[in-house]
Structure formats: C-alpha cells, structure tokens
Amino acid sequence: GKGLSVLEAGLMSILVFAGGAQFAALELWTYPVPILALAFST
C-alpha cells in the first residue's frame, strides 16, 4: 500500500528482520525517502 513491490516488502523482512522497526519505517515512508530519519528510528 505504501508503494513497495512484493519483492521489496519481502526483502525488507529478510534484510531488516525487525517488526517494530519495519512498521516504524512504513509510518515514515514518503517520497523522497527520508533516509536519515529511517536510520535513526531503526
């Protein structure tokens, strides 16, 4: 729903594997992606 592909959503769970951080990332997900905010929240 945030614009990720099936592969991208799956890869996030493989590479990050942290449910709380992943949901927080979706809350912050906009375009352009706020990389620093995502990294800090994670």
All heavy atoms as atom14 arrays in JSON, in Angstrom:
{
  "sequence": "GKGLSVLEAGLMSILVFAGGAQFAALELWTYPVPILALAFST",
  "atom14_mask": [
    [1, 1, 1, 1, 0, 0, 0, 0, 0, 0, 0, 0, 0, 0],
    [1, 1, 1, 1, 1, 1, 1, 1, 1, 0, 0, 0, 0, 0],
    [1, 1, 1, 1, 0, 0, 0, 0, 0, 0, 0, 0, 0, 0],
    [1, 1, 1, 1, 1, 1, 1, 1, 0, 0, 0, 0, 0, 0],
    [1, 1, 1, 1, 1, 1, 0, 0, 0, 0, 0, 0, 0, 0],
    [1, 1, 1, 1, 1, 1, 1, 0, 0, 0, 0, 0, 0, 0],
    [1, 1, 1, 1, 1, 1, 1, 1, 0, 0, 0, 0, 0, 0],
    [1, 1, 1, 1, 1, 1, 1, 1, 1, 0, 0, 0, 0, 0],
    [1, 1, 1, 1, 1, 0, 0, 0, 0, 0, 0, 0, 0, 0],
    [1, 1, 1, 1, 0, 0, 0, 0, 0, 0, 0, 0, 0, 0],
    [1, 1, 1, 1, 1, 1, 1, 1, 0, 0, 0, 0, 0, 0],
    [1, 1, 1, 1, 1, 1, 1, 1, 0, 0, 0, 0, 0, 0],
    [1, 1, 1, 1, 1, 1, 0, 0, 0, 0, 0, 0, 0, 0],
    [1, 1, 1, 1, 1, 1, 1, 1, 0, 0, 0, 0, 0, 0],
    [1, 1, 1, 1, 1, 1, 1, 1, 0, 0, 0, 0, 0, 0],
    [1, 1, 1, 1, 1, 1, 1, 0, 0, 0, 0, 0, 0, 0],
    [1, 1, 1, 1, 1, 1, 1, 1, 1, 1, 1, 0, 0, 0],
    [1, 1, 1, 1, 1, 0, 0, 0, 0, 0, 0, 0, 0, 0],
    [1, 1, 1, 1, 0, 0, 0, 0, 0, 0, 0, 0, 0, 0],
    [1, 1, 1, 1, 0, 0, 0, 0, 0, 0, 0, 0, 0, 0],
    [1, 1, 1, 1, 1, 0, 0, 0, 0, 0, 0, 0, 0, 0],
    [1, 1, 1, 1, 1, 1, 1, 1, 1, 0, 0, 0, 0, 0],
    [1, 1, 1, 1, 1, 1, 1, 1, 1, 1, 1, 0, 0, 0],
    [1, 1, 1, 1, 1, 0, 0, 0, 0, 0, 0, 0, 0, 0],
    [1, 1, 1, 1, 1, 0, 0, 0, 0, 0, 0, 0, 0, 0],
    [1, 1, 1, 1, 1, 1, 1, 1, 0, 0, 0, 0, 0, 0],
    [1, 1, 1, 1, 1, 1, 1, 1, 1, 0, 0, 0, 0, 0],
    [1, 1, 1, 1, 1, 1, 1, 1, 0, 0, 0, 0, 0, 0],
    [1, 1, 1, 1, 1, 1, 1, 1, 1, 1, 1, 1, 1, 1],
    [1, 1, 1, 1, 1, 1, 1, 0, 0, 0, 0, 0, 0, 0],
    [1, 1, 1, 1, 1, 1, 1, 1, 1, 1, 1, 1, 0, 0],
    [1, 1, 1, 1, 1, 1, 1, 0, 0, 0, 0, 0, 0, 0],
    [1, 1, 1, 1, 1, 1, 1, 0, 0, 0, 0, 0, 0, 0],
    [1, 1, 1, 1, 1, 1, 1, 0, 0, 0, 0, 0, 0, 0],
    [1, 1, 1, 1, 1, 1, 1, 1, 0, 0, 0, 0, 0, 0],
    [1, 1, 1, 1, 1, 1, 1, 1, 0, 0, 0, 0, 0, 0],
    [1, 1, 1, 1, 1, 0, 0, 0, 0, 0, 0, 0, 0, 0],
    [1, 1, 1, 1, 1, 1, 1, 1, 0, 0, 0, 0, 0, 0],
    [1, 1, 1, 1, 1, 0, 0, 0, 0, 0, 0, 0, 0, 0],
    [1, 1, 1, 1, 1, 1, 1, 1, 1, 1, 1, 0, 0, 0],
    [1, 1, 1, 1, 1, 1, 0, 0, 0, 0, 0, 0, 0, 0],
    [1, 1, 1, 1, 1, 1, 1, 0, 0, 0, 0, 0, 0, 0]
  ],
  "atom14_positions": [
    [[0.81, -1.22, 0.0], [0.0, 0.0, 0.0], [0.84, 1.27, 0.0], [0.39, 2.32, -0.45], [0.0, 0.0, 0.0], [0.0, 0.0, 0.0], [0.0, 0.0, 0.0], [0.0, 0.0, 0.0], [0.0, 0.0, 0.0], [0.0, 0.0, 0.0], [0.0, 0.0, 0.0], [0.0, 0.0, 0.0], [0.0, 0.0, 0.0], [0.0, 0.0, 0.0]],
    [[2.07, 1.18, 0.52], [2.98, 2.33, 0.55], [3.78, 2.47, -0.74], [4.6, 3.37, -0.89], [3.95, 2.19, 1.72], [3.37, 2.57, 3.06], [3.25, 4.08, 3.2], [2.86, 4.47, 4.62], [2.88, 5.94, 4.8], [0.0, 0.0, 0.0], [0.0, 0.0, 0.0], [0.0, 0.0, 0.0], [0.0, 0.0, 0.0], [0.0, 0.0, 0.0]],
    [[3.56, 1.55, -1.68], [4.24, 1.64, -2.96], [5.37, 0.66, -3.16], [6.03, 0.68, -4.2], [0.0, 0.0, 0.0], [0.0, 0.0, 0.0], [0.0, 0.0, 0.0], [0.0, 0.0, 0.0], [0.0, 0.0, 0.0], [0.0, 0.0, 0.0], [0.0, 0.0, 0.0], [0.0, 0.0, 0.0], [0.0, 0.0, 0.0], [0.0, 0.0, 0.0]],
    [[5.63, -0.23, -2.17], [6.66, -1.24, -2.33], [6.15, -2.37, -3.23], [4.95, -2.65, -3.25], [7.07, -1.82, -0.98], [7.66, -0.86, 0.06], [7.96, -1.61, 1.35], [8.92, -0.19, -0.47], [0.0, 0.0, 0.0], [0.0, 0.0, 0.0], [0.0, 0.0, 0.0], [0.0, 0.0, 0.0], [0.0, 0.0, 0.0], [0.0, 0.0, 0.0]],
    [[7.07, -3.01, -3.91], [6.7, -4.2, -4.67], [6.67, -5.39, -3.72], [7.13, -5.31, -2.58], [7.7, -4.45, -5.79], [8.96, -4.81, -5.25], [0.0, 0.0, 0.0], [0.0, 0.0, 0.0], [0.0, 0.0, 0.0], [0.0, 0.0, 0.0], [0.0, 0.0, 0.0], [0.0, 0.0, 0.0], [0.0, 0.0, 0.0], [0.0, 0.0, 0.0]],
    [[6.14, -6.51, -4.21], [6.13, -7.73, -3.39], [7.56, -8.12, -3.01], [7.85, -8.46, -1.87], [5.45, -8.88, -4.15], [5.58, -10.19, -3.38], [3.97, -8.56, -4.41], [0.0, 0.0, 0.0], [0.0, 0.0, 0.0], [0.0, 0.0, 0.0], [0.0, 0.0, 0.0], [0.0, 0.0, 0.0], [0.0, 0.0, 0.0], [0.0, 0.0, 0.0]],
    [[8.47, -8.03, -3.97], [9.86, -8.39, -3.71], [10.49, -7.44, -2.7], [11.21, -7.87, -1.79], [10.65, -8.37, -5.01], [12.15, -8.72, -4.89], [12.32, -10.13, -4.32], [12.83, -8.6, -6.26], [0.0, 0.0, 0.0], [0.0, 0.0, 0.0], [0.0, 0.0, 0.0], [0.0, 0.0, 0.0], [0.0, 0.0, 0.0], [0.0, 0.0, 0.0]],
    [[10.22, -6.15, -2.82], [10.81, -5.16, -1.9], [10.3, -5.36, -0.48], [11.08, -5.28, 0.48], [10.5, -3.75, -2.39], [11.28, -3.35, -3.63], [10.78, -2.06, -4.26], [9.6, -1.69, -4.0], [11.54, -1.44, -5.02], [0.0, 0.0, 0.0], [0.0, 0.0, 0.0], [0.0, 0.0, 0.0], [0.0, 0.0, 0.0], [0.0, 0.0, 0.0]],
    [[9.01, -5.62, -0.33], [8.46, -5.84, 1.01], [9.06, -7.1, 1.62], [9.44, -7.12, 2.81], [6.94, -5.97, 0.93], [0.0, 0.0, 0.0], [0.0, 0.0, 0.0], [0.0, 0.0, 0.0], [0.0, 0.0, 0.0], [0.0, 0.0, 0.0], [0.0, 0.0, 0.0], [0.0, 0.0, 0.0], [0.0, 0.0, 0.0], [0.0, 0.0, 0.0]],
    [[9.19, -8.15, 0.82], [9.78, -9.38, 1.32], [11.25, -9.22, 1.67], [11.72, -9.73, 2.69], [0.0, 0.0, 0.0], [0.0, 0.0, 0.0], [0.0, 0.0, 0.0], [0.0, 0.0, 0.0], [0.0, 0.0, 0.0], [0.0, 0.0, 0.0], [0.0, 0.0, 0.0], [0.0, 0.0, 0.0], [0.0, 0.0, 0.0], [0.0, 0.0, 0.0]],
    [[11.99, -8.47, 0.84], [13.4, -8.25, 1.11], [13.61, -7.44, 2.39], [14.6, -7.64, 3.1], [14.06, -7.54, -0.08], [14.43, -8.42, -1.27], [14.98, -7.56, -2.41], [15.43, -9.48, -0.88], [0.0, 0.0, 0.0], [0.0, 0.0, 0.0], [0.0, 0.0, 0.0], [0.0, 0.0, 0.0], [0.0, 0.0, 0.0], [0.0, 0.0, 0.0]],
    [[12.69, -6.53, 2.68], [12.82, -5.78, 3.93], [12.75, -6.71, 5.12], [13.52, -6.57, 6.09], [11.75, -4.69, 4.04], [11.91, -3.84, 5.3], [10.65, -2.57, 5.51], [11.19, -1.37, 4.3], [0.0, 0.0, 0.0], [0.0, 0.0, 0.0], [0.0, 0.0, 0.0], [0.0, 0.0, 0.0], [0.0, 0.0, 0.0], [0.0, 0.0, 0.0]],
    [[11.84, -7.69, 5.08], [11.74, -8.65, 6.18], [12.97, -9.55, 6.25], [13.36, -9.98, 7.34], [10.48, -9.5, 6.04], [9.34, -8.78, 6.46], [0.0, 0.0, 0.0], [0.0, 0.0, 0.0], [0.0, 0.0, 0.0], [0.0, 0.0, 0.0], [0.0, 0.0, 0.0], [0.0, 0.0, 0.0], [0.0, 0.0, 0.0], [0.0, 0.0, 0.0]],
    [[13.59, -9.85, 5.11], [14.79, -10.68, 5.1], [16.0, -9.9, 5.62], [16.75, -10.38, 6.48], [15.08, -11.21, 3.69], [13.99, -12.18, 3.25], [16.45, -11.89, 3.63], [14.1, -12.62, 1.8], [0.0, 0.0, 0.0], [0.0, 0.0, 0.0], [0.0, 0.0, 0.0], [0.0, 0.0, 0.0], [0.0, 0.0, 0.0], [0.0, 0.0, 0.0]],
    [[16.18, -8.69, 5.14], [17.39, -7.92, 5.44], [17.31, -7.19, 6.78], [18.31, -7.06, 7.47], [17.66, -6.92, 4.31], [17.9, -7.53, 2.93], [18.06, -6.44, 1.89], [19.13, -8.42, 2.95], [0.0, 0.0, 0.0], [0.0, 0.0, 0.0], [0.0, 0.0, 0.0], [0.0, 0.0, 0.0], [0.0, 0.0, 0.0], [0.0, 0.0, 0.0]],
    [[16.13, -6.71, 7.13], [15.97, -5.97, 8.38], [15.55, -6.92, 9.5], [16.13, -6.92, 10.58], [14.95, -4.83, 8.22], [14.79, -4.07, 9.53], [15.37, -3.88, 7.11], [0.0, 0.0, 0.0], [0.0, 0.0, 0.0], [0.0, 0.0, 0.0], [0.0, 0.0, 0.0], [0.0, 0.0, 0.0], [0.0, 0.0, 0.0], [0.0, 0.0, 0.0]],
    [[14.54, -7.72, 9.24], [14.0, -8.69, 10.2], [13.84, -8.07, 11.59], [14.41, -8.52, 12.57], [14.88, -9.94, 10.26], [14.29, -11.03, 11.13], [13.0, -11.46, 10.92], [15.03, -11.59, 12.16], [12.44, -12.45, 11.72], [14.49, -12.58, 12.97], [13.19, -13.0, 12.75], [0.0, 0.0, 0.0], [0.0, 0.0, 0.0], [0.0, 0.0, 0.0]],
    [[13.05, -7.02, 11.67], [12.76, -6.35, 12.94], [11.39, -5.71, 12.8], [11.26, -4.63, 12.24], [13.82, -5.3, 13.26], [0.0, 0.0, 0.0], [0.0, 0.0, 0.0], [0.0, 0.0, 0.0], [0.0, 0.0, 0.0], [0.0, 0.0, 0.0], [0.0, 0.0, 0.0], [0.0, 0.0, 0.0], [0.0, 0.0, 0.0], [0.0, 0.0, 0.0]],
    [[10.37, -6.42, 13.3], [9.0, -6.0, 13.06], [8.71, -4.57, 13.47], [8.14, -3.79, 12.72], [0.0, 0.0, 0.0], [0.0, 0.0, 0.0], [0.0, 0.0, 0.0], [0.0, 0.0, 0.0], [0.0, 0.0, 0.0], [0.0, 0.0, 0.0], [0.0, 0.0, 0.0], [0.0, 0.0, 0.0], [0.0, 0.0, 0.0], [0.0, 0.0, 0.0]],
    [[9.11, -4.18, 14.69], [8.84, -2.83, 15.17], [9.49, -1.79, 14.29], [8.87, -0.77, 13.93], [0.0, 0.0, 0.0], [0.0, 0.0, 0.0], [0.0, 0.0, 0.0], [0.0, 0.0, 0.0], [0.0, 0.0, 0.0], [0.0, 0.0, 0.0], [0.0, 0.0, 0.0], [0.0, 0.0, 0.0], [0.0, 0.0, 0.0], [0.0, 0.0, 0.0]],
    [[10.75, -2.0, 13.93], [11.47, -1.05, 13.08], [10.85, -1.0, 11.68], [10.79, 0.07, 11.05], [12.94, -1.43, 12.99], [0.0, 0.0, 0.0], [0.0, 0.0, 0.0], [0.0, 0.0, 0.0], [0.0, 0.0, 0.0], [0.0, 0.0, 0.0], [0.0, 0.0, 0.0], [0.0, 0.0, 0.0], [0.0, 0.0, 0.0], [0.0, 0.0, 0.0]],
    [[10.39, -2.13, 11.18], [9.79, -2.15, 9.84], [8.47, -1.39, 9.81], [8.2, -0.65, 8.86], [9.58, -3.61, 9.4], [10.88, -4.33, 9.09], [10.67, -5.78, 8.7], [11.32, -6.66, 9.26], [9.78, -6.05, 7.76], [0.0, 0.0, 0.0], [0.0, 0.0, 0.0], [0.0, 0.0, 0.0], [0.0, 0.0, 0.0], [0.0, 0.0, 0.0]],
    [[7.65, -1.55, 10.83], [6.4, -0.8, 10.88], [6.67, 0.7, 11.04], [5.98, 1.53, 10.46], [5.52, -1.31, 12.02], [4.7, -2.52, 11.65], [5.08, -3.78, 12.05], [3.55, -2.39, 10.89], [4.35, -4.9, 11.71], [2.79, -3.51, 10.53], [3.19, -4.76, 10.95], [0.0, 0.0, 0.0], [0.0, 0.0, 0.0], [0.0, 0.0, 0.0]],
    [[7.68, 1.05, 11.85], [8.05, 2.45, 12.01], [8.52, 3.04, 10.69], [8.21, 4.19, 10.35], [9.15, 2.59, 13.07], [0.0, 0.0, 0.0], [0.0, 0.0, 0.0], [0.0, 0.0, 0.0], [0.0, 0.0, 0.0], [0.0, 0.0, 0.0], [0.0, 0.0, 0.0], [0.0, 0.0, 0.0], [0.0, 0.0, 0.0], [0.0, 0.0, 0.0]],
    [[9.26, 2.24, 9.91], [9.74, 2.7, 8.62], [8.57, 2.99, 7.68], [8.59, 3.98, 6.93], [10.67, 1.66, 8.0], [0.0, 0.0, 0.0], [0.0, 0.0, 0.0], [0.0, 0.0, 0.0], [0.0, 0.0, 0.0], [0.0, 0.0, 0.0], [0.0, 0.0, 0.0], [0.0, 0.0, 0.0], [0.0, 0.0, 0.0], [0.0, 0.0, 0.0]],
    [[7.55, 2.14, 7.72], [6.39, 2.38, 6.87], [5.66, 3.66, 7.27], [5.14, 4.39, 6.41], [5.41, 1.2, 6.96], [5.82, -0.09, 6.24], [4.69, -1.12, 6.34], [6.16, 0.17, 4.78], [0.0, 0.0, 0.0], [0.0, 0.0, 0.0], [0.0, 0.0, 0.0], [0.0, 0.0, 0.0], [0.0, 0.0, 0.0], [0.0, 0.0, 0.0]],
    [[5.63, 3.95, 8.58], [4.99, 5.18, 9.04], [5.7, 6.41, 8.5], [5.08, 7.44, 8.23], [4.97, 5.22, 10.57], [4.01, 4.24, 11.22], [2.56, 4.57, 10.93], [2.23, 5.78, 10.88], [1.76, 3.65, 10.72], [0.0, 0.0, 0.0], [0.0, 0.0, 0.0], [0.0, 0.0, 0.0], [0.0, 0.0, 0.0], [0.0, 0.0, 0.0]],
    [[7.03, 6.31, 8.35], [7.83, 7.45, 7.9], [8.02, 7.46, 6.38], [8.61, 8.4, 5.84], [9.21, 7.41, 8.57], [9.24, 7.55, 10.1], [10.65, 7.29, 10.62], [8.78, 8.94, 10.52], [0.0, 0.0, 0.0], [0.0, 0.0, 0.0], [0.0, 0.0, 0.0], [0.0, 0.0, 0.0], [0.0, 0.0, 0.0], [0.0, 0.0, 0.0]],
    [[7.53, 6.43, 5.69], [7.84, 6.24, 4.28], [7.12, 7.26, 3.4], [5.9, 7.28, 3.31], [7.44, 4.84, 3.85], [8.11, 4.39, 2.58], [7.67, 4.59, 1.31], [9.34, 3.68, 2.48], [8.55, 4.04, 0.41], [9.59, 3.47, 1.11], [10.26, 3.2, 3.41], [10.72, 2.79, 0.64], [11.38, 2.52, 2.96], [11.6, 2.33, 1.59]],
    [[7.9, 8.12, 2.8], [7.39, 9.09, 1.83], [8.38, 9.14, 0.67], [9.42, 8.49, 0.69], [7.25, 10.49, 2.45], [8.52, 10.9, 2.98], [6.21, 10.51, 3.56], [0.0, 0.0, 0.0], [0.0, 0.0, 0.0], [0.0, 0.0, 0.0], [0.0, 0.0, 0.0], [0.0, 0.0, 0.0], [0.0, 0.0, 0.0], [0.0, 0.0, 0.0]],
    [[8.06, 9.94, -0.34], [8.97, 10.11, -1.46], [9.33, 11.59, -1.58], [8.42, 12.43, -1.62], [8.33, 9.6, -2.75], [8.15, 8.11, -2.76], [6.96, 7.53, -2.36], [9.19, 7.27, -3.16], [6.79, 6.15, -2.36], [9.04, 5.89, -3.17], [7.84, 5.35, -2.76], [7.69, 3.97, -2.77], [0.0, 0.0, 0.0], [0.0, 0.0, 0.0]],
    [[10.62, 11.96, -1.58], [11.78, 11.07, -1.47], [11.88, 10.45, -0.08], [11.42, 11.02, 0.92], [12.97, 11.99, -1.75], [12.49, 13.33, -1.32], [11.02, 13.37, -1.69], [0.0, 0.0, 0.0], [0.0, 0.0, 0.0], [0.0, 0.0, 0.0], [0.0, 0.0, 0.0], [0.0, 0.0, 0.0], [0.0, 0.0, 0.0], [0.0, 0.0, 0.0]],
    [[12.49, 9.27, -0.03], [12.58, 8.52, 1.23], [13.51, 9.25, 2.21], [14.64, 9.57, 1.86], [13.11, 7.1, 0.97], [13.24, 6.33, 2.28], [12.2, 6.36, 0.0], [0.0, 0.0, 0.0], [0.0, 0.0, 0.0], [0.0, 0.0, 0.0], [0.0, 0.0, 0.0], [0.0, 0.0, 0.0], [0.0, 0.0, 0.0], [0.0, 0.0, 0.0]],
    [[13.04, 9.52, 3.46], [13.87, 10.21, 4.46], [14.88, 9.24, 5.08], [14.65, 8.67, 6.15], [12.85, 10.7, 5.47], [11.74, 9.7, 5.39], [11.68, 9.26, 3.96], [0.0, 0.0, 0.0], [0.0, 0.0, 0.0], [0.0, 0.0, 0.0], [0.0, 0.0, 0.0], [0.0, 0.0, 0.0], [0.0, 0.0, 0.0], [0.0, 0.0, 0.0]],
    [[16.0, 9.05, 4.43], [16.98, 8.03, 4.82], [17.47, 8.24, 6.25], [17.52, 7.29, 7.05], [18.18, 8.03, 3.85], [17.71, 7.7, 2.42], [19.23, 7.01, 4.32], [17.11, 6.34, 2.28], [0.0, 0.0, 0.0], [0.0, 0.0, 0.0], [0.0, 0.0, 0.0], [0.0, 0.0, 0.0], [0.0, 0.0, 0.0], [0.0, 0.0, 0.0]],
    [[17.84, 9.47, 6.6], [18.37, 9.72, 7.94], [17.34, 9.45, 9.02], [17.65, 8.87, 10.06], [18.88, 11.17, 8.03], [20.14, 11.49, 7.22], [20.51, 12.97, 7.38], [21.3, 10.6, 7.66], [0.0, 0.0, 0.0], [0.0, 0.0, 0.0], [0.0, 0.0, 0.0], [0.0, 0.0, 0.0], [0.0, 0.0, 0.0], [0.0, 0.0, 0.0]],
    [[16.1, 9.86, 8.79], [15.04, 9.62, 9.76], [14.77, 8.13, 9.93], [14.58, 7.64, 11.05], [13.76, 10.34, 9.34], [0.0, 0.0, 0.0], [0.0, 0.0, 0.0], [0.0, 0.0, 0.0], [0.0, 0.0, 0.0], [0.0, 0.0, 0.0], [0.0, 0.0, 0.0], [0.0, 0.0, 0.0], [0.0, 0.0, 0.0], [0.0, 0.0, 0.0]],
    [[14.79, 7.4, 8.82], [14.58, 5.96, 8.87], [15.72, 5.27, 9.64], [15.49, 4.39, 10.47], [14.48, 5.38, 7.47], [13.19, 5.67, 6.68], [13.31, 5.16, 5.26], [11.99, 5.05, 7.38], [0.0, 0.0, 0.0], [0.0, 0.0, 0.0], [0.0, 0.0, 0.0], [0.0, 0.0, 0.0], [0.0, 0.0, 0.0], [0.0, 0.0, 0.0]],
    [[16.95, 5.67, 9.35], [18.1, 5.06, 10.01], [18.09, 5.35, 11.51], [18.35, 4.46, 12.33], [19.4, 5.58, 9.39], [0.0, 0.0, 0.0], [0.0, 0.0, 0.0], [0.0, 0.0, 0.0], [0.0, 0.0, 0.0], [0.0, 0.0, 0.0], [0.0, 0.0, 0.0], [0.0, 0.0, 0.0], [0.0, 0.0, 0.0], [0.0, 0.0, 0.0]],
    [[17.75, 6.57, 11.88], [17.74, 6.93, 13.29], [16.64, 6.2, 14.05], [16.86, 5.7, 15.16], [17.55, 8.44, 13.45], [17.49, 8.89, 14.88], [18.62, 8.85, 15.68], [16.29, 9.32, 15.44], [18.57, 9.26, 17.01], [16.23, 9.72, 16.75], [17.38, 9.69, 17.54], [0.0, 0.0, 0.0], [0.0, 0.0, 0.0], [0.0, 0.0, 0.0]],
    [[15.45, 6.13, 13.47], [14.35, 5.45, 14.15], [14.65, 3.96, 14.3], [14.34, 3.35, 15.34], [13.03, 5.65, 13.38], [13.09, 5.05, 12.09], [0.0, 0.0, 0.0], [0.0, 0.0, 0.0], [0.0, 0.0, 0.0], [0.0, 0.0, 0.0], [0.0, 0.0, 0.0], [0.0, 0.0, 0.0], [0.0, 0.0, 0.0], [0.0, 0.0, 0.0]],
    [[15.27, 3.36, 13.28], [15.64, 1.95, 13.36], [16.66, 1.71, 14.47], [16.56, 0.76, 15.25], [16.2, 1.45, 12.02], [15.2, 1.62, 11.0], [16.59, -0.01, 12.09], [0.0, 0.0, 0.0], [0.0, 0.0, 0.0], [0.0, 0.0, 0.0], [0.0, 0.0, 0.0], [0.0, 0.0, 0.0], [0.0, 0.0, 0.0], [0.0, 0.0, 0.0]]
  ]
}
